[in-house]
Amino acid sequence: MKTHSPRRYGVIALLVCLLFAPLVAMAVDDPSEMLPDPAQEQRAEAIGSQLRCLVCQNESIEDSSADLARDLRHVVREHVARGESNRQIMDWMVNRYGNFIRLKPPLTIGTLLLWVMPLLALCIGIGVAWWTFRRPRTVTPTPLTDEERRRLSDLTETR
């Protein structure tokens, strides 16, 4: 029986990594997207890292390779090149796409409700269950009518 050496597994792992390396590199910005001024490019990347890719939803537009993320990166860079402040650019994006575009949305009544509602629903469910099982179950039956008594006696008579 032939056993495989650990070195062989290392070579296989390296080949697999090299096979998937181009897929990871696709998320990197195209150099033509980048701004010529390094300070502006750094600002654009900082802003883009705070914005959610609406396709991927859990990645920033800087980390995503989706077409929409590329378009949003382009929009951010246009705004930066125009000289707008970070706040103006974020406000423009939020006005256009809503707070969902922020990877870290601000704490508002809506987001607070979003986080509290499951806990509130659980507490209400526990309260209803407790109240339901705690109630006394004394149900007094209604007395039988004359017709029901007669029928019962007919049924219970032995023949």
C-alpha atoms as a PDB file:
ATOM      1  CA  MET A   1       0.000   0.000   0.000  1.00  0.00           C
ATOM      2  CA  LYS A   2       1.440   3.337  -1.045  1.00  0.00           C
ATOM      3  CA  THR A   3       1.086   6.287   1.323  1.00  0.00           C
ATOM      4  CA  HIS A   4       1.137   9.904   0.194  1.00  0.00           C
ATOM      5  CA  SER A   5       3.677  12.230   1.687  1.00  0.00           C
ATOM      6  CA  PRO A   6       2.698  15.506   3.396  1.00  0.00           C
ATOM      7  CA  ARG A   7       4.842  17.325   0.845  1.00  0.00           C
ATOM      8  CA  ARG A   8       2.618  16.058  -1.953  1.00  0.00           C
ATOM      9  CA  TYR A   9      -0.453  17.504  -0.190  1.00  0.00           C
ATOM     10  CA  GLY A  10       1.377  20.822   0.130  1.00  0.00           C
ATOM     11  CA  VAL A  11       2.032  20.876  -3.617  1.00  0.00           C
ATOM     12  CA  ILE A  12      -1.620  20.086  -4.326  1.00  0.00           C
ATOM     13  CA  ALA A  13      -2.746  22.860  -1.965  1.00  0.00           C
ATOM     14  CA  LEU A  14      -0.405  25.321  -3.684  1.00  0.00           C
ATOM     15  CA  LEU A  15      -1.760  24.377  -7.109  1.00  0.00           C
ATOM     16  CA  VAL A  16      -5.348  24.846  -5.901  1.00  0.00           C
ATOM     17  CA  CYS A  17      -4.448  28.283  -4.489  1.00  0.00           C
ATOM     18  CA  LEU A  18      -2.805  29.284  -7.755  1.00  0.00           C
ATOM     19  CA  LEU A  19      -5.865  28.078  -9.643  1.00  0.00           C
ATOM     20  CA  PHE A  20      -8.190  30.326  -7.610  1.00  0.00           C
ATOM     21  CA  ALA A  21      -5.824  33.324  -7.339  1.00  0.00           C
ATOM     22  CA  PRO A  22      -7.202  35.022 -10.500  1.00  0.00           C
ATOM     23  CA  LEU A  23     -10.707  34.955  -9.012  1.00  0.00           C
ATOM     24  CA  VAL A  24      -9.512  36.836  -5.926  1.00  0.00           C
ATOM     25  CA  ALA A  25      -7.577  39.322  -8.032  1.00  0.00           C
ATOM     26  CA  MET A  26     -10.727  40.247  -9.968  1.00  0.00           C
ATOM     27  CA  ALA A  27     -12.005  42.218  -6.952  1.00  0.00           C
ATOM     28  CA  VAL A  28      -8.985  44.535  -7.099  1.00  0.00           C
ATOM     29  CA  ASP A  29      -9.607  47.916  -8.726  1.00  0.00           C
ATOM     30  CA  ASP A  30      -8.822  48.334 -12.366  1.00  0.00           C
ATOM     31  CA  PRO A  31      -5.950  50.848 -12.583  1.00  0.00           C
ATOM     32  CA  SER A  32      -7.980  52.926 -15.034  1.00  0.00           C
ATOM     33  CA  GLU A  33     -10.581  53.481 -12.269  1.00  0.00           C
ATOM     34  CA  MET A  34      -8.033  54.997  -9.928  1.00  0.00           C
ATOM     35  CA  LEU A  35      -7.660  58.752  -9.516  1.00  0.00           C
ATOM     36  CA  PRO A  36      -4.317  60.262 -10.542  1.00  0.00           C
ATOM     37  CA  ASP A  37      -3.915  62.065  -7.201  1.00  0.00           C
ATOM     38  CA  PRO A  38      -2.920  59.512  -4.513  1.00  0.00           C
ATOM     39  CA  ALA A  39      -4.540  61.578  -1.723  1.00  0.00           C
ATOM     40  CA  GLN A  40      -7.852  61.691  -3.597  1.00  0.00           C
ATOM     41  CA  GLU A  41      -7.619  57.977  -4.382  1.00  0.00           C
ATOM     42  CA  GLN A  42      -7.023  57.215  -0.718  1.00  0.00           C
ATOM     43  CA  ARG A  43     -10.094  59.316   0.224  1.00  0.00           C
ATOM     44  CA  ALA A  44     -12.189  57.542  -2.421  1.00  0.00           C
ATOM     45  CA  GLU A  45     -11.084  54.136  -1.091  1.00  0.00           C
ATOM     46  CA  ALA A  46     -11.890  55.185   2.485  1.00  0.00           C
ATOM     47  CA  ILE A  47     -15.380  56.298   1.450  1.00  0.00           C
ATOM     48  CA  GLY A  48     -15.903  53.180  -0.690  1.00  0.00           C
ATOM     49  CA  SER A  49     -14.934  50.931   2.202  1.00  0.00           C
ATOM     50  CA  GLN A  50     -17.884  52.362   4.173  1.00  0.00           C
ATOM     51  CA  LEU A  51     -20.413  51.687   1.400  1.00  0.00           C
ATOM     52  CA  ARG A  52     -22.188  48.339   0.966  1.00  0.00           C
ATOM     53  CA  CYS A  53     -22.255  46.584  -2.373  1.00  0.00           C
ATOM     54  CA  LEU A  54     -25.957  46.302  -3.128  1.00  0.00           C
ATOM     55  CA  VAL A  55     -25.361  43.038  -5.011  1.00  0.00           C
ATOM     56  CA  CYS A  56     -23.049  41.274  -2.552  1.00  0.00           C
ATOM     57  CA  GLN A  57     -24.601  42.994   0.502  1.00  0.00           C
ATOM     58  CA  ASN A  58     -21.897  41.999   2.943  1.00  0.00           C
ATOM     59  CA  GLU A  59     -18.932  43.501   1.129  1.00  0.00           C
ATOM     60  CA  SER A  60     -17.882  47.072   0.601  1.00  0.00           C
ATOM     61  CA  ILE A  61     -17.893  48.442  -2.919  1.00  0.00           C
ATOM     62  CA  GLU A  62     -14.099  48.508  -2.705  1.00  0.00           C
ATOM     63  CA  ASP A  63     -13.955  44.747  -2.039  1.00  0.00           C
ATOM     64  CA  SER A  64     -16.630  43.681  -4.506  1.00  0.00           C
ATOM     65  CA  SER A  65     -16.106  42.734  -8.135  1.00  0.00           C
ATOM     66  CA  ALA A  66     -19.787  43.209  -9.071  1.00  0.00           C
ATOM     67  CA  ASP A  67     -20.598  45.565 -11.953  1.00  0.00           C
ATOM     68  CA  LEU A  68     -22.763  47.749  -9.714  1.00  0.00           C
ATOM     69  CA  ALA A  69     -19.921  48.065  -7.201  1.00  0.00           C
ATOM     70  CA  ARG A  70     -17.605  49.166 -10.018  1.00  0.00           C
ATOM     71  CA  ASP A  71     -20.169  51.783 -11.082  1.00  0.00           C
ATOM     72  CA  LEU A  72     -20.518  53.021  -7.493  1.00  0.00           C
ATOM     73  CA  ARG A  73     -16.728  53.240  -7.133  1.00  0.00           C
ATOM     74  CA  HIS A  74     -16.699  55.343 -10.294  1.00  0.00           C
ATOM     75  CA  VAL A  75     -19.410  57.649  -8.875  1.00  0.00           C
ATOM     76  CA  VAL A  76     -17.497  58.066  -5.602  1.00  0.00           C
ATOM     77  CA  ARG A  77     -14.327  58.933  -7.507  1.00  0.00           C
ATOM     78  CA  GLU A  78     -16.215  61.488  -9.631  1.00  0.00           C
ATOM     79  CA  HIS A  79     -17.504  63.187  -6.483  1.00  0.00           C
ATOM     80  CA  VAL A  80     -14.033  63.152  -4.893  1.00  0.00           C
ATOM     81  CA  ALA A  81     -12.499  64.616  -8.070  1.00  0.00           C
ATOM     82  CA  ARG A  82     -15.095  67.422  -7.965  1.00  0.00           C
ATOM     83  CA  GLY A  83     -13.823  68.326  -4.514  1.00  0.00           C
ATOM     84  CA  GLU A  84     -16.867  67.300  -2.488  1.00  0.00           C
ATOM     85  CA  SER A  85     -16.369  66.461   1.176  1.00  0.00           C
ATOM     86  CA  ASN A  86     -16.711  62.926   2.543  1.00  0.00           C
ATOM     87  CA  ARG A  87     -19.940  63.985   4.265  1.00  0.00           C
ATOM     88  CA  GLN A  88     -21.413  65.343   1.005  1.00  0.00           C
ATOM     89  CA  ILE A  89     -20.566  62.140  -0.849  1.00  0.00           C
ATOM     90  CA  MET A  90     -22.046  59.918   1.888  1.00  0.00           C
ATOM     91  CA  ASP A  91     -25.171  62.106   2.032  1.00  0.00           C
ATOM     92  CA  TRP A  92     -25.559  61.837  -1.753  1.00  0.00           C
ATOM     93  CA  MET A  93     -25.257  58.055  -1.613  1.00  0.00           C
ATOM     94  CA  VAL A  94     -27.713  57.768   1.292  1.00  0.00           C
ATOM     95  CA  ASN A  95     -30.213  60.068  -0.459  1.00  0.00           C
ATOM     96  CA  ARG A  96     -29.936  57.946  -3.577  1.00  0.00           C
ATOM     97  CA  TYR A  97     -29.881  54.434  -2.060  1.00  0.00           C
ATOM     98  CA  GLY A  98     -31.053  54.830   1.545  1.00  0.00           C
ATOM     99  CA  ASN A  99     -29.230  53.952   4.767  1.00  0.00           C
ATOM    100  CA  PHE A 100     -28.888  50.360   3.560  1.00  0.00           C
ATOM    101  CA  ILE A 101     -25.898  51.431   1.467  1.00  0.00           C
ATOM    102  CA  ARG A 102     -23.906  52.113   4.622  1.00  0.00           C
ATOM    103  CA  LEU A 103     -22.056  49.119   6.018  1.00  0.00           C
ATOM    104  CA  LYS A 104     -22.523  50.667   9.478  1.00  0.00           C
ATOM    105  CA  PRO A 105     -25.855  52.521   9.434  1.00  0.00           C
ATOM    106  CA  PRO A 106     -26.469  55.116  12.156  1.00  0.00           C
ATOM    107  CA  LEU A 107     -28.556  54.196  15.186  1.00  0.00           C
ATOM    108  CA  THR A 108     -32.065  55.482  14.517  1.00  0.00           C
ATOM    109  CA  ILE A 109     -35.522  54.512  15.729  1.00  0.00           C
ATOM    110  CA  GLY A 110     -35.817  52.206  12.685  1.00  0.00           C
ATOM    111  CA  THR A 111     -32.554  50.370  13.303  1.00  0.00           C
ATOM    112  CA  LEU A 112     -33.260  50.187  17.022  1.00  0.00           C
ATOM    113  CA  LEU A 113     -36.646  48.596  16.312  1.00  0.00           C
ATOM    114  CA  LEU A 114     -34.993  46.203  13.886  1.00  0.00           C
ATOM    115  CA  TRP A 115     -32.686  44.949  16.648  1.00  0.00           C
ATOM    116  CA  VAL A 116     -35.255  45.020  19.479  1.00  0.00           C
ATOM    117  CA  MET A 117     -38.283  43.470  17.713  1.00  0.00           C
ATOM    118  CA  PRO A 118     -37.119  39.825  17.908  1.00  0.00           C
ATOM    119  CA  LEU A 119     -36.484  40.178  21.636  1.00  0.00           C
ATOM    120  CA  LEU A 120     -39.822  41.937  22.096  1.00  0.00           C
ATOM    121  CA  ALA A 121     -41.632  39.191  20.134  1.00  0.00           C
ATOM    122  CA  LEU A 122     -39.964  36.524  22.280  1.00  0.00           C
ATOM    123  CA  CYS A 123     -40.993  38.304  25.488  1.00  0.00           C
ATOM    124  CA  ILE A 124     -44.587  38.687  24.257  1.00  0.00           C
ATOM    125  CA  GLY A 125     -44.695  34.994  23.297  1.00  0.00           C
ATOM    126  CA  ILE A 126     -43.386  33.930  26.713  1.00  0.00           C
ATOM    127  CA  GLY A 127     -45.894  36.250  28.406  1.00  0.00           C
ATOM    128  CA  VAL A 128     -48.837  34.878  26.417  1.00  0.00           C
ATOM    129  CA  ALA A 129     -47.760  31.293  27.103  1.00  0.00           C
ATOM    130  CA  TRP A 130     -47.331  32.015  30.827  1.00  0.00           C
ATOM    131  CA  TRP A 131     -50.722  33.758  31.025  1.00  0.00           C
ATOM    132  CA  THR A 132     -52.430  30.942  29.091  1.00  0.00           C
ATOM    133  CA  PHE A 133     -51.035  28.116  31.227  1.00  0.00           C
ATOM    134  CA  ARG A 134     -51.443  30.015  34.478  1.00  0.00           C
ATOM    135  CA  ARG A 135     -55.202  30.598  34.097  1.00  0.00           C
ATOM    136  CA  PRO A 136     -57.395  28.211  36.049  1.00  0.00           C
ATOM    137  CA  ARG A 137     -59.122  25.706  33.831  1.00  0.00           C
ATOM    138  CA  THR A 138     -62.416  25.440  35.696  1.00  0.00           C
ATOM    139  CA  VAL A 139     -65.031  24.901  33.087  1.00  0.00           C
ATOM    140  CA  THR A 140     -68.426  24.073  34.512  1.00  0.00           C
ATOM    141  CA  PRO A 141     -70.453  21.953  32.152  1.00  0.00           C
ATOM    142  CA  THR A 142     -73.947  23.088  31.312  1.00  0.00           C
ATOM    143  CA  PRO A 143     -76.667  20.892  32.798  1.00  0.00           C
ATOM    144  CA  LEU A 144     -78.332  18.344  30.542  1.00  0.00           C
ATOM    145  CA  THR A 145     -81.714  19.141  29.114  1.00  0.00           C
ATOM    146  CA  ASP A 146     -84.660  16.796  29.681  1.00  0.00           C
ATOM    147  CA  GLU A 147     -84.294  15.500  26.127  1.00  0.00           C
ATOM    148  CA  GLU A 148     -80.567  14.755  26.647  1.00  0.00           C
ATOM    149  CA  ARG A 149     -81.270  12.971  29.980  1.00  0.00           C
ATOM    150  CA  ARG A 150     -83.926  10.804  28.367  1.00  0.00           C
ATOM    151  CA  ARG A 151     -81.617   9.919  25.477  1.00  0.00           C
ATOM    152  CA  LEU A 152     -78.754   9.145  27.897  1.00  0.00           C
ATOM    153  CA  SER A 153     -80.934   6.828  29.945  1.00  0.00           C
ATOM    154  CA  ASP A 154     -82.085   5.071  26.762  1.00  0.00           C
ATOM    155  CA  LEU A 155     -78.479   4.562  25.710  1.00  0.00           C
ATOM    156  CA  THR A 156     -77.306   3.288  29.094  1.00  0.00           C
ATOM    157  CA  GLU A 157     -80.151   0.835  29.630  1.00  0.00           C
ATOM    158  CA  THR A 158     -79.063  -2.734  29.243  1.00  0.00           C
ATOM    159  CA  ARG A 159     -81.191  -4.886  27.008  1.00  0.00           C
END
